[in-house]
N, C-alpha and C. Protein backbone atom coordinates (compact mmCIF):
# COMPACT_ATOMS: atom_id res chain seq x y z
N MET A 1 -21.78 54.68 37.30
CA MET A 1 -20.54 55.32 36.91
C MET A 1 -19.75 55.60 38.19
N ASN A 2 -18.51 55.14 38.24
CA ASN A 2 -17.70 55.39 39.43
C ASN A 2 -17.11 56.81 39.39
N SER A 3 -16.49 57.21 40.45
CA SER A 3 -16.00 58.59 40.56
C SER A 3 -14.91 58.90 39.54
N LYS A 4 -14.05 57.95 39.22
CA LYS A 4 -12.99 58.20 38.22
C LYS A 4 -13.61 58.43 36.85
N GLN A 5 -14.62 57.66 36.49
CA GLN A 5 -15.27 57.84 35.20
C GLN A 5 -16.01 59.17 35.14
N ARG A 6 -16.63 59.54 36.26
CA ARG A 6 -17.36 60.81 36.32
C ARG A 6 -16.40 61.99 36.16
N ILE A 7 -15.26 61.94 36.83
CA ILE A 7 -14.26 63.01 36.72
C ILE A 7 -13.73 63.09 35.29
N LEU A 8 -13.45 61.94 34.69
CA LEU A 8 -12.96 61.90 33.32
C LEU A 8 -14.00 62.49 32.36
N ALA A 9 -15.27 62.17 32.55
CA ALA A 9 -16.33 62.70 31.70
C ALA A 9 -16.43 64.21 31.85
N ILE A 10 -16.30 64.71 33.06
CA ILE A 10 -16.36 66.16 33.30
C ILE A 10 -15.18 66.85 32.64
N LEU A 11 -13.99 66.27 32.75
CA LEU A 11 -12.80 66.85 32.12
C LEU A 11 -12.93 66.89 30.61
N ILE A 12 -13.41 65.82 30.03
CA ILE A 12 -13.57 65.78 28.58
C ILE A 12 -14.57 66.82 28.12
N THR A 13 -15.67 66.95 28.86
CA THR A 13 -16.68 67.96 28.54
C THR A 13 -16.11 69.37 28.65
N ALA A 14 -15.34 69.62 29.70
CA ALA A 14 -14.75 70.94 29.91
C ALA A 14 -13.75 71.28 28.81
N ILE A 15 -12.92 70.32 28.45
CA ILE A 15 -11.94 70.55 27.38
C ILE A 15 -12.64 70.82 26.06
N GLY A 16 -13.69 70.08 25.79
CA GLY A 16 -14.47 70.29 24.56
C GLY A 16 -15.10 71.66 24.53
N ALA A 17 -15.63 72.10 25.66
CA ALA A 17 -16.26 73.42 25.73
C ALA A 17 -15.24 74.53 25.51
N VAL A 18 -14.06 74.38 26.08
CA VAL A 18 -13.01 75.38 25.89
C VAL A 18 -12.57 75.42 24.44
N ALA A 19 -12.41 74.27 23.82
CA ALA A 19 -11.97 74.21 22.43
C ALA A 19 -13.00 74.85 21.50
N VAL A 20 -14.27 74.62 21.76
CA VAL A 20 -15.32 75.18 20.91
C VAL A 20 -15.41 76.69 21.07
N THR A 21 -15.30 77.18 22.29
CA THR A 21 -15.48 78.61 22.51
C THR A 21 -14.27 79.44 22.12
N THR A 22 -13.06 78.87 22.19
CA THR A 22 -11.89 79.66 21.85
C THR A 22 -11.59 79.61 20.37
N GLY A 23 -11.53 78.44 19.76
CA GLY A 23 -11.27 78.30 18.33
C GLY A 23 -10.01 79.01 17.89
N CYS A 24 -9.89 79.26 16.61
CA CYS A 24 -8.75 79.99 16.07
C CYS A 24 -9.13 81.44 15.93
N ALA A 25 -8.35 82.29 16.51
CA ALA A 25 -8.63 83.72 16.41
C ALA A 25 -8.03 84.28 15.13
N VAL A 26 -8.79 85.12 14.47
CA VAL A 26 -8.29 85.82 13.29
C VAL A 26 -8.11 87.27 13.68
N THR A 27 -6.89 87.75 13.54
CA THR A 27 -6.62 89.13 13.90
C THR A 27 -6.80 90.04 12.70
N SER A 28 -6.82 91.31 12.95
CA SER A 28 -7.01 92.29 11.90
C SER A 28 -5.96 92.13 10.81
N GLY A 29 -6.42 92.11 9.56
CA GLY A 29 -5.49 91.99 8.44
C GLY A 29 -5.24 90.56 7.98
N GLN A 30 -5.75 89.59 8.71
CA GLN A 30 -5.57 88.20 8.32
C GLN A 30 -6.84 87.68 7.66
N SER A 31 -6.69 86.73 6.75
CA SER A 31 -7.82 86.11 6.09
C SER A 31 -8.31 84.95 6.93
N SER A 32 -9.62 84.72 6.86
CA SER A 32 -10.15 83.53 7.51
C SER A 32 -9.83 82.33 6.62
N VAL A 33 -10.06 81.15 7.14
CA VAL A 33 -9.80 79.94 6.35
C VAL A 33 -10.65 79.95 5.09
N GLY A 34 -11.91 80.35 5.22
CA GLY A 34 -12.80 80.40 4.06
C GLY A 34 -12.31 81.36 3.00
N GLU A 35 -11.85 82.53 3.42
CA GLU A 35 -11.33 83.51 2.47
C GLU A 35 -10.07 82.99 1.79
N TYR A 36 -9.22 82.30 2.56
CA TYR A 36 -7.99 81.76 2.00
C TYR A 36 -8.31 80.72 0.93
N VAL A 37 -9.27 79.85 1.22
CA VAL A 37 -9.66 78.83 0.25
C VAL A 37 -10.26 79.49 -0.98
N ASP A 38 -11.14 80.49 -0.79
CA ASP A 38 -11.73 81.19 -1.92
C ASP A 38 -10.66 81.86 -2.78
N ASP A 39 -9.68 82.49 -2.15
CA ASP A 39 -8.59 83.13 -2.90
C ASP A 39 -7.80 82.10 -3.70
N LYS A 40 -7.52 80.95 -3.10
CA LYS A 40 -6.80 79.89 -3.82
C LYS A 40 -7.63 79.39 -4.99
N THR A 41 -8.93 79.27 -4.80
CA THR A 41 -9.82 78.81 -5.87
C THR A 41 -9.82 79.83 -7.01
N ILE A 42 -9.90 81.09 -6.68
CA ILE A 42 -9.88 82.14 -7.70
C ILE A 42 -8.57 82.07 -8.49
N SER A 43 -7.43 81.98 -7.81
CA SER A 43 -6.13 81.91 -8.49
C SER A 43 -6.08 80.70 -9.42
N THR A 44 -6.57 79.58 -8.95
CA THR A 44 -6.56 78.36 -9.77
C THR A 44 -7.42 78.53 -11.01
N ARG A 45 -8.58 79.14 -10.84
CA ARG A 45 -9.47 79.36 -11.99
C ARG A 45 -8.85 80.31 -13.00
N VAL A 46 -8.21 81.36 -12.52
CA VAL A 46 -7.56 82.31 -13.43
C VAL A 46 -6.46 81.60 -14.21
N LYS A 47 -5.61 80.85 -13.51
CA LYS A 47 -4.51 80.13 -14.19
C LYS A 47 -5.06 79.16 -15.23
N SER A 48 -6.13 78.47 -14.88
CA SER A 48 -6.73 77.51 -15.80
C SER A 48 -7.25 78.19 -17.06
N ARG A 49 -7.91 79.32 -16.87
CA ARG A 49 -8.43 80.05 -18.04
C ARG A 49 -7.32 80.66 -18.87
N LEU A 50 -6.25 81.11 -18.22
CA LEU A 50 -5.09 81.61 -18.97
C LEU A 50 -4.49 80.49 -19.82
N ALA A 51 -4.44 79.29 -19.27
CA ALA A 51 -3.86 78.15 -20.00
C ALA A 51 -4.70 77.77 -21.21
N GLN A 52 -5.99 78.03 -21.16
CA GLN A 52 -6.89 77.67 -22.26
C GLN A 52 -6.95 78.74 -23.34
N ASP A 53 -6.47 79.93 -23.04
CA ASP A 53 -6.58 81.04 -23.99
C ASP A 53 -5.41 81.05 -24.96
N PRO A 54 -5.69 81.26 -26.26
CA PRO A 54 -4.60 81.26 -27.25
C PRO A 54 -3.74 82.54 -27.22
N VAL A 55 -4.22 83.62 -26.60
CA VAL A 55 -3.48 84.88 -26.59
C VAL A 55 -2.65 85.03 -25.32
N ALA A 56 -3.27 84.80 -24.18
CA ALA A 56 -2.59 84.99 -22.89
C ALA A 56 -1.68 83.81 -22.58
N SER A 57 -0.64 84.06 -21.81
CA SER A 57 0.33 83.02 -21.47
C SER A 57 0.24 82.67 -19.99
N ALA A 58 -0.15 81.44 -19.71
CA ALA A 58 -0.18 80.98 -18.32
C ALA A 58 1.23 80.70 -17.82
N MET A 59 2.14 80.40 -18.72
CA MET A 59 3.51 80.05 -18.33
C MET A 59 4.30 81.27 -17.85
N ARG A 60 4.03 82.43 -18.43
CA ARG A 60 4.78 83.64 -18.07
C ARG A 60 4.03 84.53 -17.09
N THR A 61 2.85 84.10 -16.65
CA THR A 61 2.02 84.94 -15.79
C THR A 61 1.86 84.31 -14.41
N GLN A 62 2.20 85.07 -13.39
CA GLN A 62 1.99 84.62 -12.02
C GLN A 62 0.67 85.24 -11.53
N VAL A 63 -0.08 84.44 -10.77
CA VAL A 63 -1.39 84.87 -10.29
C VAL A 63 -1.43 84.70 -8.78
N GLU A 64 -1.74 85.78 -8.09
CA GLU A 64 -1.95 85.73 -6.64
C GLU A 64 -3.24 86.46 -6.34
N THR A 65 -3.98 85.95 -5.34
CA THR A 65 -5.25 86.56 -4.98
C THR A 65 -5.29 86.79 -3.48
N GLN A 66 -5.73 87.97 -3.09
CA GLN A 66 -5.92 88.27 -1.68
C GLN A 66 -7.22 89.05 -1.54
N ASP A 67 -8.10 88.54 -0.70
CA ASP A 67 -9.40 89.17 -0.46
C ASP A 67 -10.17 89.41 -1.75
N GLY A 68 -10.04 88.48 -2.70
CA GLY A 68 -10.77 88.58 -3.96
C GLY A 68 -10.14 89.46 -5.01
N VAL A 69 -9.02 90.11 -4.69
CA VAL A 69 -8.32 90.95 -5.66
C VAL A 69 -7.17 90.14 -6.27
N VAL A 70 -7.22 89.99 -7.58
CA VAL A 70 -6.21 89.21 -8.31
C VAL A 70 -5.07 90.11 -8.72
N GLN A 71 -3.85 89.67 -8.43
CA GLN A 71 -2.67 90.39 -8.88
C GLN A 71 -1.97 89.54 -9.93
N LEU A 72 -1.80 90.12 -11.10
CA LEU A 72 -1.10 89.45 -12.20
C LEU A 72 0.29 90.05 -12.30
N SER A 73 1.29 89.18 -12.46
CA SER A 73 2.65 89.66 -12.66
C SER A 73 3.34 88.73 -13.64
N GLY A 74 4.50 89.13 -14.08
CA GLY A 74 5.24 88.34 -15.06
C GLY A 74 5.47 89.16 -16.31
N PHE A 75 5.55 88.46 -17.44
CA PHE A 75 5.87 89.13 -18.70
C PHE A 75 4.89 88.75 -19.79
N ALA A 76 4.67 89.69 -20.72
CA ALA A 76 3.83 89.46 -21.89
C ALA A 76 4.60 89.90 -23.12
N ALA A 77 4.31 89.28 -24.24
CA ALA A 77 4.98 89.62 -25.49
C ALA A 77 4.35 90.84 -26.16
N SER A 78 3.14 91.23 -25.71
CA SER A 78 2.47 92.38 -26.32
C SER A 78 1.49 93.00 -25.34
N GLN A 79 1.07 94.22 -25.65
CA GLN A 79 0.06 94.89 -24.84
C GLN A 79 -1.26 94.13 -24.92
N ALA A 80 -1.55 93.53 -26.07
CA ALA A 80 -2.78 92.76 -26.25
C ALA A 80 -2.80 91.54 -25.31
N GLU A 81 -1.65 90.89 -25.17
CA GLU A 81 -1.56 89.74 -24.27
C GLU A 81 -1.77 90.17 -22.82
N LYS A 82 -1.17 91.29 -22.43
CA LYS A 82 -1.34 91.81 -21.08
C LYS A 82 -2.81 92.14 -20.81
N ALA A 83 -3.45 92.82 -21.76
CA ALA A 83 -4.86 93.21 -21.60
C ALA A 83 -5.76 91.98 -21.54
N LYS A 84 -5.45 90.96 -22.34
CA LYS A 84 -6.25 89.74 -22.36
C LYS A 84 -6.17 89.02 -21.02
N ALA A 85 -5.00 88.99 -20.42
CA ALA A 85 -4.83 88.34 -19.12
C ALA A 85 -5.70 89.03 -18.06
N ALA A 86 -5.73 90.36 -18.07
CA ALA A 86 -6.55 91.10 -17.12
C ALA A 86 -8.04 90.86 -17.38
N GLU A 87 -8.41 90.81 -18.64
CA GLU A 87 -9.81 90.55 -19.00
C GLU A 87 -10.24 89.16 -18.50
N ILE A 88 -9.40 88.18 -18.71
CA ILE A 88 -9.70 86.81 -18.26
C ILE A 88 -9.85 86.77 -16.74
N ALA A 89 -8.93 87.40 -16.04
CA ALA A 89 -8.98 87.40 -14.58
C ALA A 89 -10.26 88.07 -14.08
N GLY A 90 -10.65 89.15 -14.71
CA GLY A 90 -11.83 89.88 -14.28
C GLY A 90 -13.13 89.13 -14.50
N GLU A 91 -13.13 88.15 -15.39
CA GLU A 91 -14.34 87.37 -15.69
C GLU A 91 -14.53 86.18 -14.76
N VAL A 92 -13.56 85.88 -13.91
CA VAL A 92 -13.67 84.74 -12.99
C VAL A 92 -14.63 85.11 -11.86
N PRO A 93 -15.53 84.20 -11.51
CA PRO A 93 -16.47 84.48 -10.41
C PRO A 93 -15.77 84.85 -9.11
N ASN A 94 -16.36 85.78 -8.38
CA ASN A 94 -15.90 86.25 -7.06
C ASN A 94 -14.67 87.15 -7.10
N VAL A 95 -14.19 87.53 -8.28
CA VAL A 95 -13.07 88.47 -8.38
C VAL A 95 -13.61 89.87 -8.12
N LYS A 96 -13.01 90.55 -7.14
CA LYS A 96 -13.44 91.90 -6.77
C LYS A 96 -12.65 92.98 -7.51
N GLY A 97 -11.48 92.62 -8.01
CA GLY A 97 -10.64 93.58 -8.72
C GLY A 97 -9.42 92.88 -9.30
N VAL A 98 -8.76 93.55 -10.22
CA VAL A 98 -7.56 92.99 -10.86
C VAL A 98 -6.47 94.05 -10.86
N ARG A 99 -5.30 93.68 -10.36
CA ARG A 99 -4.10 94.52 -10.46
C ARG A 99 -3.21 93.89 -11.51
N ASN A 100 -3.04 94.57 -12.60
CA ASN A 100 -2.26 94.02 -13.71
C ASN A 100 -0.85 94.60 -13.69
N ASP A 101 0.08 93.87 -13.08
CA ASP A 101 1.48 94.29 -13.00
C ASP A 101 2.35 93.56 -14.02
N ILE A 102 1.73 93.02 -15.05
CA ILE A 102 2.48 92.33 -16.10
C ILE A 102 3.31 93.35 -16.88
N ILE A 103 4.53 93.01 -17.17
CA ILE A 103 5.44 93.87 -17.93
C ILE A 103 5.47 93.39 -19.37
N VAL A 104 5.27 94.32 -20.30
CA VAL A 104 5.33 93.97 -21.72
C VAL A 104 6.78 93.98 -22.16
N ARG A 105 7.23 92.84 -22.61
CA ARG A 105 8.61 92.68 -23.07
C ARG A 105 8.56 91.88 -24.36
N PRO A 106 8.60 92.58 -25.50
CA PRO A 106 8.49 91.88 -26.79
C PRO A 106 9.59 90.83 -26.94
N ALA A 107 9.22 89.76 -27.62
CA ALA A 107 10.17 88.67 -27.86
C ALA A 107 11.34 89.17 -28.70
N ASN A 108 12.53 88.62 -28.44
CA ASN A 108 13.73 88.98 -29.23
C ASN A 108 13.60 88.45 -30.64
N ASN A 109 13.98 89.26 -31.60
CA ASN A 109 13.90 88.82 -33.00
C ASN A 109 15.19 88.23 -33.46
């Protein structure tokens, strides 16, 4: 190995070591990549189950998840629909809590 190749190999090794040891820093209050993916998975599962339920409305319900806590918002035609949406969200694996901010607004007659 000539000196240029040796220097290049040392530089590549050094850059690799720096990249591995520094990585992406997560500061206080931020989610890690794994937590972000888990939250997205939880939201997707809640939306899917809402879409399959005959009482709850996936179309009028927004679902957001942070740190395993699901927040439901939007509108429901009845208190039963609002309660059903919260029940469905609470049954999804890895859900730590449910904030039900759905507003009951009966359909116009």
